[in-house]
Amino acid sequence: MFENLINFYQQIILQKNPLVPAIVSVSIILSIGVMAWWVFNLVFRFFKKRYKDTPYFVKNNRVFNMLRKAGHYSILLLVGVGLINLLKVSNMEKIFSAFMIVLFALFFNTIARDLIII
């Protein structure tokens, strides 16, 4: 099993194709993003189990959803910026920035609406 993976990795590294290092770098960034998402969810579940019975969180149970959403958006932002900086695509940077501004505006709108209701 591991010998097949090692042989596959060596074949990829030994190729002279200029796209191979970029593909490997993109896959590394995406895998780090997936692992960060997974670790964040584990830590968040622990935090939620530990503090869900405190008076503040019993009264305001939507805070957990807002914190989870903020963490996921932050991971998405970091992975997106990493990919854009790696690939050096200026047009994509503007599109991604506009997309993230819309996402964060919707998120802050939700926070403001929930704070007014609470």
PDB file of N, CA and C in Angstrom:
ATOM      1  N   MET A   1       0.828  -1.194   0.000  1.00  0.00           N
ATOM      2  CA  MET A   1       0.000   0.000   0.000  1.00  0.00           C
ATOM      3  C   MET A   1       0.867   1.250   0.000  1.00  0.00           C
ATOM      4  N   PHE A   2       1.764   1.354   1.000  1.00  0.00           N
ATOM      5  CA  PHE A   2       2.612   2.542   1.081  1.00  0.00           C
ATOM      6  C   PHE A   2       3.652   2.568  -0.034  1.00  0.00           C
ATOM      7  N   GLU A   3       4.058   1.402  -0.505  1.00  0.00           N
ATOM      8  CA  GLU A   3       5.022   1.364  -1.610  1.00  0.00           C
ATOM      9  C   GLU A   3       4.407   1.950  -2.869  1.00  0.00           C
ATOM     10  N   ASN A   4       3.132   1.667  -3.097  1.00  0.00           N
ATOM     11  CA  ASN A   4       2.446   2.236  -4.261  1.00  0.00           C
ATOM     12  C   ASN A   4       2.372   3.758  -4.163  1.00  0.00           C
ATOM     13  N   LEU A   5       2.077   4.267  -2.972  1.00  0.00           N
ATOM     14  CA  LEU A   5       2.026   5.717  -2.786  1.00  0.00           C
ATOM     15  C   LEU A   5       3.398   6.348  -2.964  1.00  0.00           C
ATOM     16  N   ILE A   6       4.427   5.696  -2.441  1.00  0.00           N
ATOM     17  CA  ILE A   6       5.791   6.221  -2.583  1.00  0.00           C
ATOM     18  C   ILE A   6       6.203   6.225  -4.049  1.00  0.00           C
ATOM     19  N   ASN A   7       5.901   5.153  -4.782  1.00  0.00           N
ATOM     20  CA  ASN A   7       6.228   5.102  -6.213  1.00  0.00           C
ATOM     21  C   ASN A   7       5.469   6.176  -6.990  1.00  0.00           C
ATOM     22  N   PHE A   8       4.204   6.359  -6.665  1.00  0.00           N
ATOM     23  CA  PHE A   8       3.406   7.388  -7.327  1.00  0.00           C
ATOM     24  C   PHE A   8       3.981   8.774  -7.051  1.00  0.00           C
ATOM     25  N   TYR A   9       4.355   9.039  -5.799  1.00  0.00           N
ATOM     26  CA  TYR A   9       4.936  10.328  -5.427  1.00  0.00           C
ATOM     27  C   TYR A   9       6.255  10.558  -6.164  1.00  0.00           C
ATOM     28  N   GLN A  10       7.099   9.527  -6.254  1.00  0.00           N
ATOM     29  CA  GLN A  10       8.380   9.670  -6.947  1.00  0.00           C
ATOM     30  C   GLN A  10       8.178   9.920  -8.438  1.00  0.00           C
ATOM     31  N   GLN A  11       7.181   9.279  -9.041  1.00  0.00           N
ATOM     32  CA  GLN A  11       6.905   9.521 -10.457  1.00  0.00           C
ATOM     33  C   GLN A  11       6.458  10.962 -10.688  1.00  0.00           C
ATOM     34  N   ILE A  12       5.670  11.479  -9.775  1.00  0.00           N
ATOM     35  CA  ILE A  12       5.202  12.862  -9.912  1.00  0.00           C
ATOM     36  C   ILE A  12       6.361  13.833  -9.759  1.00  0.00           C
ATOM     37  N   ILE A  13       7.207  13.620  -8.768  1.00  0.00           N
ATOM     38  CA  ILE A  13       8.319  14.530  -8.504  1.00  0.00           C
ATOM     39  C   ILE A  13       9.350  14.489  -9.624  1.00  0.00           C
ATOM     40  N   LEU A  14       9.590  13.315 -10.208  1.00  0.00           N
ATOM     41  CA  LEU A  14      10.622  13.190 -11.236  1.00  0.00           C
ATOM     42  C   LEU A  14      10.188  13.739 -12.591  1.00  0.00           C
ATOM     43  N   GLN A  15       8.921  13.999 -12.790  1.00  0.00           N
ATOM     44  CA  GLN A  15       8.472  14.556 -14.059  1.00  0.00           C
ATOM     45  C   GLN A  15       8.949  15.996 -14.203  1.00  0.00           C
ATOM     46  N   LYS A  16       9.151  16.409 -15.425  1.00  0.00           N
ATOM     47  CA  LYS A  16       9.624  17.770 -15.699  1.00  0.00           C
ATOM     48  C   LYS A  16       8.480  18.709 -16.063  1.00  0.00           C
ATOM     49  N   ASN A  17       7.258  18.275 -15.875  1.00  0.00           N
ATOM     50  CA  ASN A  17       6.097  19.100 -16.187  1.00  0.00           C
ATOM     51  C   ASN A  17       6.019  20.261 -15.194  1.00  0.00           C
ATOM     52  N   PRO A  18       5.931  21.500 -15.674  1.00  0.00           N
ATOM     53  CA  PRO A  18       5.905  22.646 -14.748  1.00  0.00           C
ATOM     54  C   PRO A  18       4.610  22.757 -13.936  1.00  0.00           C
ATOM     55  N   LEU A  19       3.559  22.071 -14.345  1.00  0.00           N
ATOM     56  CA  LEU A  19       2.301  22.138 -13.604  1.00  0.00           C
ATOM     57  C   LEU A  19       2.310  21.273 -12.345  1.00  0.00           C
ATOM     58  N   VAL A  20       3.191  20.299 -12.300  1.00  0.00           N
ATOM     59  CA  VAL A  20       3.188  19.357 -11.179  1.00  0.00           C
ATOM     60  C   VAL A  20       3.452  20.046  -9.840  1.00  0.00           C
ATOM     61  N   PRO A  21       4.468  20.916  -9.707  1.00  0.00           N
ATOM     62  CA  PRO A  21       4.652  21.574  -8.405  1.00  0.00           C
ATOM     63  C   PRO A  21       3.457  22.437  -7.996  1.00  0.00           C
ATOM     64  N   ALA A  22       2.818  23.083  -8.967  1.00  0.00           N
ATOM     65  CA  ALA A  22       1.644  23.899  -8.646  1.00  0.00           C
ATOM     66  C   ALA A  22       0.494  23.024  -8.168  1.00  0.00           C
ATOM     67  N   ILE A  23       0.291  21.890  -8.821  1.00  0.00           N
ATOM     68  CA  ILE A  23      -0.779  20.976  -8.416  1.00  0.00           C
ATOM     69  C   ILE A  23      -0.507  20.421  -7.029  1.00  0.00           C
ATOM     70  N   VAL A  24       0.745  20.077  -6.758  1.00  0.00           N
ATOM     71  CA  VAL A  24       1.107  19.565  -5.431  1.00  0.00           C
ATOM     72  C   VAL A  24       0.894  20.654  -4.380  1.00  0.00           C
ATOM     73  N   SER A  25       1.290  21.885  -4.674  1.00  0.00           N
ATOM     74  CA  SER A  25       1.112  22.984  -3.715  1.00  0.00           C
ATOM     75  C   SER A  25      -0.365  23.273  -3.451  1.00  0.00           C
ATOM     76  N   VAL A  26      -1.172  23.268  -4.503  1.00  0.00           N
ATOM     77  CA  VAL A  26      -2.613  23.489  -4.337  1.00  0.00           C
ATOM     78  C   VAL A  26      -3.220  22.382  -3.490  1.00  0.00           C
ATOM     79  N   SER A  27      -2.826  21.125  -3.769  1.00  0.00           N
ATOM     80  CA  SER A  27      -3.370  20.027  -2.957  1.00  0.00           C
ATOM     81  C   SER A  27      -2.937  20.126  -1.514  1.00  0.00           C
ATOM     82  N   ILE A  28      -1.723  20.591  -1.254  1.00  0.00           N
ATOM     83  CA  ILE A  28      -1.268  20.749   0.133  1.00  0.00           C
ATOM     84  C   ILE A  28      -2.089  21.829   0.835  1.00  0.00           C
ATOM     85  N   ILE A  29      -2.312  22.958   0.166  1.00  0.00           N
ATOM     86  CA  ILE A  29      -3.097  24.035   0.777  1.00  0.00           C
ATOM     87  C   ILE A  29      -4.528  23.576   1.044  1.00  0.00           C
ATOM     88  N   LEU A  30      -5.125  22.873   0.078  1.00  0.00           N
ATOM     89  CA  LEU A  30      -6.490  22.390   0.277  1.00  0.00           C
ATOM     90  C   LEU A  30      -6.573  21.363   1.402  1.00  0.00           C
ATOM     91  N   SER A  31      -5.579  20.485   1.482  1.00  0.00           N
ATOM     92  CA  SER A  31      -5.605  19.482   2.556  1.00  0.00           C
ATOM     93  C   SER A  31      -5.394  20.141   3.921  1.00  0.00           C
ATOM     94  N   ILE A  32      -4.556  21.165   3.991  1.00  0.00           N
ATOM     95  CA  ILE A  32      -4.390  21.902   5.252  1.00  0.00           C
ATOM     96  C   ILE A  32      -5.702  22.594   5.624  1.00  0.00           C
ATOM     97  N   GLY A  33      -6.398  23.136   4.636  1.00  0.00           N
ATOM     98  CA  GLY A  33      -7.692  23.755   4.896  1.00  0.00           C
ATOM     99  C   GLY A  33      -8.717  22.758   5.411  1.00  0.00           C
ATOM    100  N   VAL A  34      -8.747  21.567   4.826  1.00  0.00           N
ATOM    101  CA  VAL A  34      -9.677  20.531   5.287  1.00  0.00           C
ATOM    102  C   VAL A  34      -9.332  20.099   6.706  1.00  0.00           C
ATOM    103  N   MET A  35      -8.042  19.945   6.987  1.00  0.00           N
ATOM    104  CA  MET A  35      -7.641  19.560   8.348  1.00  0.00           C
ATOM    105  C   MET A  35      -7.967  20.669   9.347  1.00  0.00           C
ATOM    106  N   ALA A  36      -7.774  21.927   8.954  1.00  0.00           N
ATOM    107  CA  ALA A  36      -8.106  23.040   9.850  1.00  0.00           C
ATOM    108  C   ALA A  36      -9.609  23.071  10.120  1.00  0.00           C
ATOM    109  N   TRP A  37     -10.410  22.817   9.081  1.00  0.00           N
ATOM    110  CA  TRP A  37     -11.863  22.769   9.237  1.00  0.00           C
ATOM    111  C   TRP A  37     -12.250  21.671  10.229  1.00  0.00           C
ATOM    112  N   TRP A  38     -11.633  20.498  10.082  1.00  0.00           N
ATOM    113  CA  TRP A  38     -11.919  19.351  10.947  1.00  0.00           C
ATOM    114  C   TRP A  38     -11.519  19.642  12.393  1.00  0.00           C
ATOM    115  N   VAL A  39     -10.307  20.187  12.594  1.00  0.00           N
ATOM    116  CA  VAL A  39      -9.843  20.507  13.950  1.00  0.00           C
ATOM    117  C   VAL A  39     -10.729  21.583  14.573  1.00  0.00           C
ATOM    118  N   PHE A  40     -11.103  22.576  13.788  1.00  0.00           N
ATOM    119  CA  PHE A  40     -11.990  23.620  14.307  1.00  0.00           C
ATOM    120  C   PHE A  40     -13.312  23.022  14.775  1.00  0.00           C
ATOM    121  N   ASN A  41     -13.879  22.111  13.978  1.00  0.00           N
ATOM    122  CA  ASN A  41     -15.140  21.489  14.379  1.00  0.00           C
ATOM    123  C   ASN A  41     -14.982  20.664  15.650  1.00  0.00           C
ATOM    124  N   LEU A  42     -13.854  19.957  15.799  1.00  0.00           N
ATOM    125  CA  LEU A  42     -13.619  19.191  17.029  1.00  0.00           C
ATOM    126  C   LEU A  42     -13.527  20.109  18.244  1.00  0.00           C
ATOM    127  N   VAL A  43     -12.748  21.166  18.122  1.00  0.00           N
ATOM    128  CA  VAL A  43     -12.585  22.108  19.237  1.00  0.00           C
ATOM    129  C   VAL A  43     -13.912  22.795  19.536  1.00  0.00           C
ATOM    130  N   PHE A  44     -14.640  23.135  18.498  1.00  0.00           N
ATOM    131  CA  PHE A  44     -15.916  23.818  18.692  1.00  0.00           C
ATOM    132  C   PHE A  44     -16.931  22.912  19.391  1.00  0.00           C
ATOM    133  N   ARG A  45     -16.972  21.619  19.005  1.00  0.00           N
ATOM    134  CA  ARG A  45     -17.873  20.687  19.687  1.00  0.00           C
ATOM    135  C   ARG A  45     -17.531  20.564  21.163  1.00  0.00           C
ATOM    136  N   PHE A  46     -16.233  20.490  21.472  1.00  0.00           N
ATOM    137  CA  PHE A  46     -15.805  20.425  22.874  1.00  0.00           C
ATOM    138  C   PHE A  46     -16.242  21.684  23.621  1.00  0.00           C
ATOM    139  N   PHE A  47     -16.020  22.843  23.007  1.00  0.00           N
ATOM    140  CA  PHE A  47     -16.407  24.117  23.614  1.00  0.00           C
ATOM    141  C   PHE A  47     -17.918  24.175  23.831  1.00  0.00           C
ATOM    142  N   LYS A  48     -18.680  23.719  22.851  1.00  0.00           N
ATOM    143  CA  LYS A  48     -20.138  23.772  22.947  1.00  0.00           C
ATOM    144  C   LYS A  48     -20.647  22.839  24.045  1.00  0.00           C
ATOM    145  N   LYS A  49     -20.089  21.632  24.134  1.00  0.00           N
ATOM    146  CA  LYS A  49     -20.513  20.702  25.187  1.00  0.00           C
ATOM    147  C   LYS A  49     -20.186  21.242  26.570  1.00  0.00           C
ATOM    148  N   ARG A  50     -19.053  21.900  26.669  1.00  0.00           N
ATOM    149  CA  ARG A  50     -18.612  22.374  27.977  1.00  0.00           C
ATOM    150  C   ARG A  50     -19.406  23.588  28.457  1.00  0.00           C
ATOM    151  N   TYR A  51     -19.736  24.494  27.562  1.00  0.00           N
ATOM    152  CA  TYR A  51     -20.334  25.766  27.971  1.00  0.00           C
ATOM    153  C   TYR A  51     -21.808  25.924  27.618  1.00  0.00           C
ATOM    154  N   LYS A  52     -22.460  24.905  27.082  1.00  0.00           N
ATOM    155  CA  LYS A  52     -23.853  25.089  26.663  1.00  0.00           C
ATOM    156  C   LYS A  52     -24.810  25.263  27.840  1.00  0.00           C
ATOM    157  N   ASP A  53     -24.406  24.848  29.039  1.00  0.00           N
ATOM    158  CA  ASP A  53     -25.284  24.967  30.206  1.00  0.00           C
ATOM    159  C   ASP A  53     -25.066  26.248  31.002  1.00  0.00           C
ATOM    160  N   THR A  54     -24.143  27.096  30.576  1.00  0.00           N
ATOM    161  CA  THR A  54     -23.949  28.363  31.280  1.00  0.00           C
ATOM    162  C   THR A  54     -25.135  29.282  30.989  1.00  0.00           C
ATOM    163  N   PRO A  55     -25.461  30.172  31.919  1.00  0.00           N
ATOM    164  CA  PRO A  55     -26.668  31.005  31.748  1.00  0.00           C
ATOM    165  C   PRO A  55     -26.672  31.838  30.463  1.00  0.00           C
ATOM    166  N   TYR A  56     -25.501  32.362  30.073  1.00  0.00           N
ATOM    167  CA  TYR A  56     -25.471  33.202  28.870  1.00  0.00           C
ATOM    168  C   TYR A  56     -25.828  32.390  27.627  1.00  0.00           C
ATOM    169  N   PHE A  57     -25.233  31.205  27.501  1.00  0.00           N
ATOM    170  CA  PHE A  57     -25.470  30.407  26.301  1.00  0.00           C
ATOM    171  C   PHE A  57     -26.830  29.722  26.317  1.00  0.00           C
ATOM    172  N   VAL A  58     -27.398  29.494  27.496  1.00  0.00           N
ATOM    173  CA  VAL A  58     -28.759  28.954  27.553  1.00  0.00           C
ATOM    174  C   VAL A  58     -29.739  29.997  27.025  1.00  0.00           C
ATOM    175  N   LYS A  59     -29.513  31.243  27.410  1.00  0.00           N
ATOM    176  CA  LYS A  59     -30.389  32.325  26.964  1.00  0.00           C
ATOM    177  C   LYS A  59     -30.173  32.653  25.483  1.00  0.00           C
ATOM    178  N   ASN A  60     -28.924  32.622  25.028  1.00  0.00           N
ATOM    179  CA  ASN A  60     -28.571  33.007  23.654  1.00  0.00           C
ATOM    180  C   ASN A  60     -27.954  31.814  22.929  1.00  0.00           C
ATOM    181  N   ASN A  61     -28.761  30.840  22.559  1.00  0.00           N
ATOM    182  CA  ASN A  61     -28.217  29.640  21.928  1.00  0.00           C
ATOM    183  C   ASN A  61     -27.760  29.875  20.493  1.00  0.00           C
ATOM    184  N   ARG A  62     -28.128  30.994  19.886  1.00  0.00           N
ATOM    185  CA  ARG A  62     -27.697  31.294  18.514  1.00  0.00           C
ATOM    186  C   ARG A  62     -26.240  31.737  18.442  1.00  0.00           C
ATOM    187  N   VAL A  63     -25.650  32.042  19.590  1.00  0.00           N
ATOM    188  CA  VAL A  63     -24.252  32.483  19.608  1.00  0.00           C
ATOM    189  C   VAL A  63     -23.342  31.376  19.090  1.00  0.00           C
ATOM    190  N   PHE A  64     -23.659  30.121  19.425  1.00  0.00           N
ATOM    191  CA  PHE A  64     -22.844  29.005  18.951  1.00  0.00           C
ATOM    192  C   PHE A  64     -22.842  28.930  17.425  1.00  0.00           C
ATOM    193  N   ASN A  65     -24.001  29.108  16.812  1.00  0.00           N
ATOM    194  CA  ASN A  65     -24.066  29.072  15.347  1.00  0.00           C
ATOM    195  C   ASN A  65     -23.273  30.215  14.726  1.00  0.00           C
ATOM    196  N   MET A  66     -23.328  31.379  15.350  1.00  0.00           N
ATOM    197  CA  MET A  66     -22.577  32.521  14.818  1.00  0.00           C
ATOM    198  C   MET A  66     -21.071  32.302  14.956  1.00  0.00           C
ATOM    199  N   LEU A  67     -20.636  31.744  16.083  1.00  0.00           N
ATOM    200  CA  LEU A  67     -19.208  31.476  16.266  1.00  0.00           C
ATOM    201  C   LEU A  67     -18.713  30.417  15.285  1.00  0.00           C
ATOM    202  N   ARG A  68     -19.512  29.384  15.067  1.00  0.00           N
ATOM    203  CA  ARG A  68     -19.126  28.336  14.127  1.00  0.00           C
ATOM    204  C   ARG A  68     -19.017  28.905  12.718  1.00  0.00           C
ATOM    205  N   LYS A  69     -19.988  29.721  12.349  1.00  0.00           N
ATOM    206  CA  LYS A  69     -19.976  30.325  11.020  1.00  0.00           C
ATOM    207  C   LYS A  69     -18.773  31.253  10.846  1.00  0.00           C
ATOM    208  N   ALA A  70     -18.442  32.013  11.880  1.00  0.00           N
ATOM    209  CA  ALA A  70     -17.285  32.915  11.808  1.00  0.00           C
ATOM    210  C   ALA A  70     -15.994  32.126  11.635  1.00  0.00           C
ATOM    211  N   GLY A  71     -15.859  31.027  12.343  1.00  0.00           N
ATOM    212  CA  GLY A  71     -14.667  30.191  12.196  1.00  0.00           C
ATOM    213  C   GLY A  71     -14.554  29.585  10.814  1.00  0.00           C
ATOM    214  N   HIS A  72     -15.672  29.112  10.280  1.00  0.00           N
ATOM    215  CA  HIS A  72     -15.643  28.523   8.942  1.00  0.00           C
ATOM    216  C   HIS A  72     -15.319  29.566   7.878  1.00  0.00           C
ATOM    217  N   TYR A  73     -15.880  30.764   8.027  1.00  0.00           N
ATOM    218  CA  TYR A  73     -15.561  31.827   7.073  1.00  0.00           C
ATOM    219  C   TYR A  73     -14.087  32.222   7.163  1.00  0.00           C
ATOM    220  N   SER A  74     -13.532  32.220   8.354  1.00  0.00           N
ATOM    221  CA  SER A  74     -12.115  32.564   8.516  1.00  0.00           C
ATOM    222  C   SER A  74     -11.219  31.541   7.841  1.00  0.00           C
ATOM    223  N   ILE A  75     -11.552  30.262   8.003  1.00  0.00           N
ATOM    224  CA  ILE A  75     -10.768  29.212   7.343  1.00  0.00           C
ATOM    225  C   ILE A  75     -10.897  29.341   5.835  1.00  0.00           C
ATOM    226  N   LEU A  76     -12.110  29.592   5.354  1.00  0.00           N
ATOM    227  CA  LEU A  76     -12.326  29.777   3.920  1.00  0.00           C
ATOM    228  C   LEU A  76     -11.520  30.960   3.393  1.00  0.00           C
ATOM    229  N   LEU A  77     -11.482  32.044   4.147  1.00  0.00           N
ATOM    230  CA  LEU A  77     -10.716  33.225   3.753  1.00  0.00           C
ATOM    231  C   LEU A  77      -9.224  32.914   3.678  1.00  0.00           C
ATOM    232  N   LEU A  78      -8.696  32.240   4.688  1.00  0.00           N
ATOM    233  CA  LEU A  78      -7.266  31.931   4.704  1.00  0.00           C
ATOM    234  C   LEU A  78      -6.872  30.983   3.578  1.00  0.00           C
ATOM    235  N   VAL A  79      -7.672  29.963   3.332  1.00  0.00           N
ATOM    236  CA  VAL A  79      -7.364  29.028   2.247  1.00  0.00           C
ATOM    237  C   VAL A  79      -7.471  29.732   0.896  1.00  0.00           C
ATOM    238  N   GLY A  80      -8.491  30.550   0.721  1.00  0.00           N
ATOM    239  CA  GLY A  80      -8.650  31.273  -0.540  1.00  0.00           C
ATOM    240  C   GLY A  80      -7.512  32.237  -0.811  1.00  0.00           C
ATOM    241  N   VAL A  81      -7.096  32.970   0.209  1.00  0.00           N
ATOM    242  CA  VAL A  81      -5.973  33.905   0.043  1.00  0.00           C
ATOM    243  C   VAL A  81      -4.687  33.136  -0.249  1.00  0.00           C
ATOM    244  N   GLY A  82      -4.510  32.010   0.424  1.00  0.00           N
ATOM    245  CA  GLY A  82      -3.324  31.188   0.163  1.00  0.00           C
ATOM    246  C   GLY A  82      -3.288  30.682  -1.264  1.00  0.00           C
ATOM    247  N   LEU A  83      -4.417  30.217  -1.770  1.00  0.00           N
ATOM    248  CA  LEU A  83      -4.469  29.727  -3.150  1.00  0.00           C
ATOM    249  C   LEU A  83      -4.253  30.852  -4.155  1.00  0.00           C
ATOM    250  N   ILE A  84      -4.840  32.001  -3.898  1.00  0.00           N
ATOM    251  CA  ILE A  84      -4.682  33.128  -4.828  1.00  0.00           C
ATOM    252  C   ILE A  84      -3.239  33.613  -4.841  1.00  0.00           C
ATOM    253  N   ASN A  85      -2.610  33.691  -3.673  1.00  0.00           N
ATOM    254  CA  ASN A  85      -1.208  34.113  -3.627  1.00  0.00           C
ATOM    255  C   ASN A  85      -0.296  33.089  -4.284  1.00  0.00           C
ATOM    256  N   LEU A  86      -0.626  31.821  -4.153  1.00  0.00           N
ATOM    257  CA  LEU A  86       0.187  30.778  -4.771  1.00  0.00           C
ATOM    258  C   LEU A  86       0.073  30.824  -6.287  1.00  0.00           C
ATOM    259  N   LEU A  87      -1.140  30.972  -6.785  1.00  0.00           N
ATOM    260  CA  LEU A  87      -1.361  30.937  -8.229  1.00  0.00           C
ATOM    261  C   LEU A  87      -1.127  32.285  -8.904  1.00  0.00           C
ATOM    262  N   LYS A  88      -1.087  33.372  -8.125  1.00  0.00           N
ATOM    263  CA  LYS A  88      -0.828  34.725  -8.641  1.00  0.00           C
ATOM    264  C   LYS A  88      -1.797  35.110  -9.764  1.00  0.00           C
ATOM    265  N   VAL A  89      -3.085  34.984  -9.459  1.00  0.00           N
ATOM    266  CA  VAL A  89      -4.132  35.331 -10.416  1.00  0.00           C
ATOM    267  C   VAL A  89      -4.820  36.592  -9.909  1.00  0.00           C
ATOM    268  N   SER A  90      -4.520  37.733 -10.527  1.00  0.00           N
ATOM    269  CA  SER A  90      -5.020  39.010 -10.008  1.00  0.00           C
ATOM    270  C   SER A  90      -6.530  39.162 -10.195  1.00  0.00           C
ATOM    271  N   ASN A  91      -7.066  38.703 -11.317  1.00  0.00           N
ATOM    272  CA  ASN A  91      -8.512  38.820 -11.535  1.00  0.00           C
ATOM    273  C   ASN A  91      -9.283  37.971 -10.537  1.00  0.00           C
ATOM    274  N   MET A  92      -8.769  36.804 -10.242  1.00  0.00           N
ATOM    275  CA  MET A  92      -9.434  35.923  -9.285  1.00  0.00           C
ATOM    276  C   MET A  92      -9.398  36.526  -7.883  1.00  0.00           C
ATOM    277  N   GLU A  93      -8.348  37.282  -7.593  1.00  0.00           N
ATOM    278  CA  GLU A  93      -8.246  37.929  -6.283  1.00  0.00           C
ATOM    279  C   GLU A  93      -9.390  38.918  -6.083  1.00  0.00           C
ATOM    280  N   LYS A  94      -9.709  39.665  -7.120  1.00  0.00           N
ATOM    281  CA  LYS A  94     -10.799  40.638  -7.021  1.00  0.00           C
ATOM    282  C   LYS A  94     -12.150  39.943  -6.877  1.00  0.00           C
ATOM    283  N   ILE A  95     -12.350  38.870  -7.626  1.00  0.00           N
ATOM    284  CA  ILE A  95     -13.603  38.122  -7.537  1.00  0.00           C
ATOM    285  C   ILE A  95     -13.743  37.494  -6.158  1.00  0.00           C
ATOM    286  N   PHE A  96     -12.666  36.906  -5.663  1.00  0.00           N
ATOM    287  CA  PHE A  96     -12.706  36.278  -4.340  1.00  0.00           C
ATOM    288  C   PHE A  96     -12.937  37.319  -3.251  1.00  0.00           C
ATOM    289  N   SER A  97     -12.304  38.469  -3.378  1.00  0.00           N
ATOM    290  CA  SER A  97     -12.510  39.533  -2.388  1.00  0.00           C
ATOM    291  C   SER A  97     -13.967  39.988  -2.376  1.00  0.00           C
ATOM    292  N   ALA A  98     -14.559  40.144  -3.546  1.00  0.00           N
ATOM    293  CA  ALA A  98     -15.969  40.541  -3.620  1.00  0.00           C
ATOM    294  C   ALA A  98     -16.865  39.468  -3.001  1.00  0.00           C
ATOM    295  N   PHE A  99     -16.568  38.215  -3.283  1.00  0.00           N
ATOM    296  CA  PHE A  99     -17.345  37.109  -2.711  1.00  0.00           C
ATOM    297  C   PHE A  99     -17.248  37.095  -1.191  1.00  0.00           C
ATOM    298  N   MET A 100     -16.054  37.293  -0.658  1.00  0.00           N
ATOM    299  CA  MET A 100     -15.874  37.282   0.795  1.00  0.00           C
ATOM    300  C   MET A 100     -16.532  38.500   1.437  1.00  0.00           C
ATOM    301  N   ILE A 101     -16.517  39.643   0.763  1.00  0.00           N
ATOM    302  CA  ILE A 101     -17.195  40.831   1.299  1.00  0.00           C
ATOM    303  C   ILE A 101     -18.692  40.566   1.413  1.00  0.00           C
ATOM    304  N   VAL A 102     -19.267  39.930   0.394  1.00  0.00           N
ATOM    305  CA  VAL A 102     -20.696  39.604   0.445  1.00  0.00           C
ATOM    306  C   VAL A 102     -20.977  38.621   1.573  1.00  0.00           C
ATOM    307  N   LEU A 103     -20.143  37.576   1.715  1.00  0.00           N
ATOM    308  CA  LEU A 103     -20.347  36.603   2.792  1.00  0.00           C
ATOM    309  C   LEU A 103     -20.255  37.253   4.166  1.00  0.00           C
ATOM    310  N   PHE A 104     -19.225  38.069   4.373  1.00  0.00           N
ATOM    311  CA  PHE A 104     -19.067  38.719   5.671  1.00  0.00           C
ATOM    312  C   PHE A 104     -20.181  39.745   5.919  1.00  0.00           C
ATOM    313  N   ALA A 105     -20.650  40.423   4.882  1.00  0.00           N
ATOM    314  CA  ALA A 105     -21.756  41.367   5.062  1.00  0.00           C
ATOM    315  C   ALA A 105     -23.025  40.632   5.489  1.00  0.00           C
ATOM    316  N   LEU A 106     -23.295  39.489   4.865  1.00  0.00           N
ATOM    317  CA  LEU A 106     -24.452  38.693   5.280  1.00  0.00           C
ATOM    318  C   LEU A 106     -24.295  38.198   6.710  1.00  0.00           C
ATOM    319  N   PHE A 107     -23.077  37.808   7.051  1.00  0.00           N
ATOM    320  CA  PHE A 107     -22.818  37.318   8.409  1.00  0.00           C
ATOM    321  C   PHE A 107     -23.016  38.431   9.434  1.00  0.00           C
ATOM    322  N   PHE A 108     -22.484  39.623   9.163  1.00  0.00           N
ATOM    323  CA  PHE A 108     -22.638  40.731  10.101  1.00  0.00           C
ATOM    324  C   PHE A 108     -24.090  41.209  10.163  1.00  0.00           C
ATOM    325  N   ASN A 109     -24.814  41.082   9.063  1.00  0.00           N
ATOM    326  CA  ASN A 109     -26.238  41.391   9.073  1.00  0.00           C
ATOM    327  C   ASN A 109     -26.972  40.432  10.012  1.00  0.00           C
ATOM    328  N   THR A 110     -26.614  39.160   9.955  1.00  0.00           N
ATOM    329  CA  THR A 110     -27.221  38.174  10.852  1.00  0.00           C
ATOM    330  C   THR A 110     -26.894  38.483  12.302  1.00  0.00           C
ATOM    331  N   ILE A 111     -25.647  38.853  12.566  1.00  0.00           N
ATOM    332  CA  ILE A 111     -25.253  39.197  13.937  1.00  0.00           C
ATOM    333  C   ILE A 111     -26.046  40.403  14.426  1.00  0.00           C
ATOM    334  N   ALA A 112     -26.140  41.434  13.616  1.00  0.00           N
ATOM    335  CA  ALA A 112     -26.867  42.644  14.021  1.00  0.00           C
ATOM    336  C   ALA A 112     -28.342  42.339  14.258  1.00  0.00           C
ATOM    337  N   ARG A 113     -28.936  41.553  13.386  1.00  0.00           N
ATOM    338  CA  ARG A 113     -30.349  41.202  13.539  1.00  0.00           C
ATOM    339  C   ARG A 113     -30.574  40.384  14.813  1.00  0.00           C
ATOM    340  N   ASP A 114     -29.680  39.427  15.092  1.00  0.00           N
ATOM    341  CA  ASP A 114     -29.821  38.607  16.299  1.00  0.00           C
ATOM    342  C   ASP A 114     -29.581  39.417  17.561  1.00  0.00           C
ATOM    343  N   LEU A 115     -28.670  40.374  17.508  1.00  0.00           N
ATOM    344  CA  LEU A 115     -28.433  41.196  18.692  1.00  0.00           C
ATOM    345  C   LEU A 115     -29.609  42.124  18.972  1.00  0.00           C
ATOM    346  N   ILE A 116     -30.266  42.576  17.928  1.00  0.00           N
ATOM    347  CA  ILE A 116     -31.436  43.429  18.130  1.00  0.00           C
ATOM    348  C   ILE A 116     -32.591  42.609  18.695  1.00  0.00           C
ATOM    349  N   ILE A 117     -32.746  41.381  18.212  1.00  0.00           N
ATOM    350  CA  ILE A 117     -33.826  40.511  18.689  1.00  0.00           C
ATOM    351  C   ILE A 117     -33.560  40.052  20.115  1.00  0.00           C
ATOM    352  N   ILE A 118     -32.296  39.769  20.418  1.00  0.00           N
ATOM    353  CA  ILE A 118     -31.944  39.298  21.768  1.00  0.00           C
ATOM    354  C   ILE A 118     -32.084  40.432  22.698  1.00  0.00           C
TER     355      ILE A 118
END
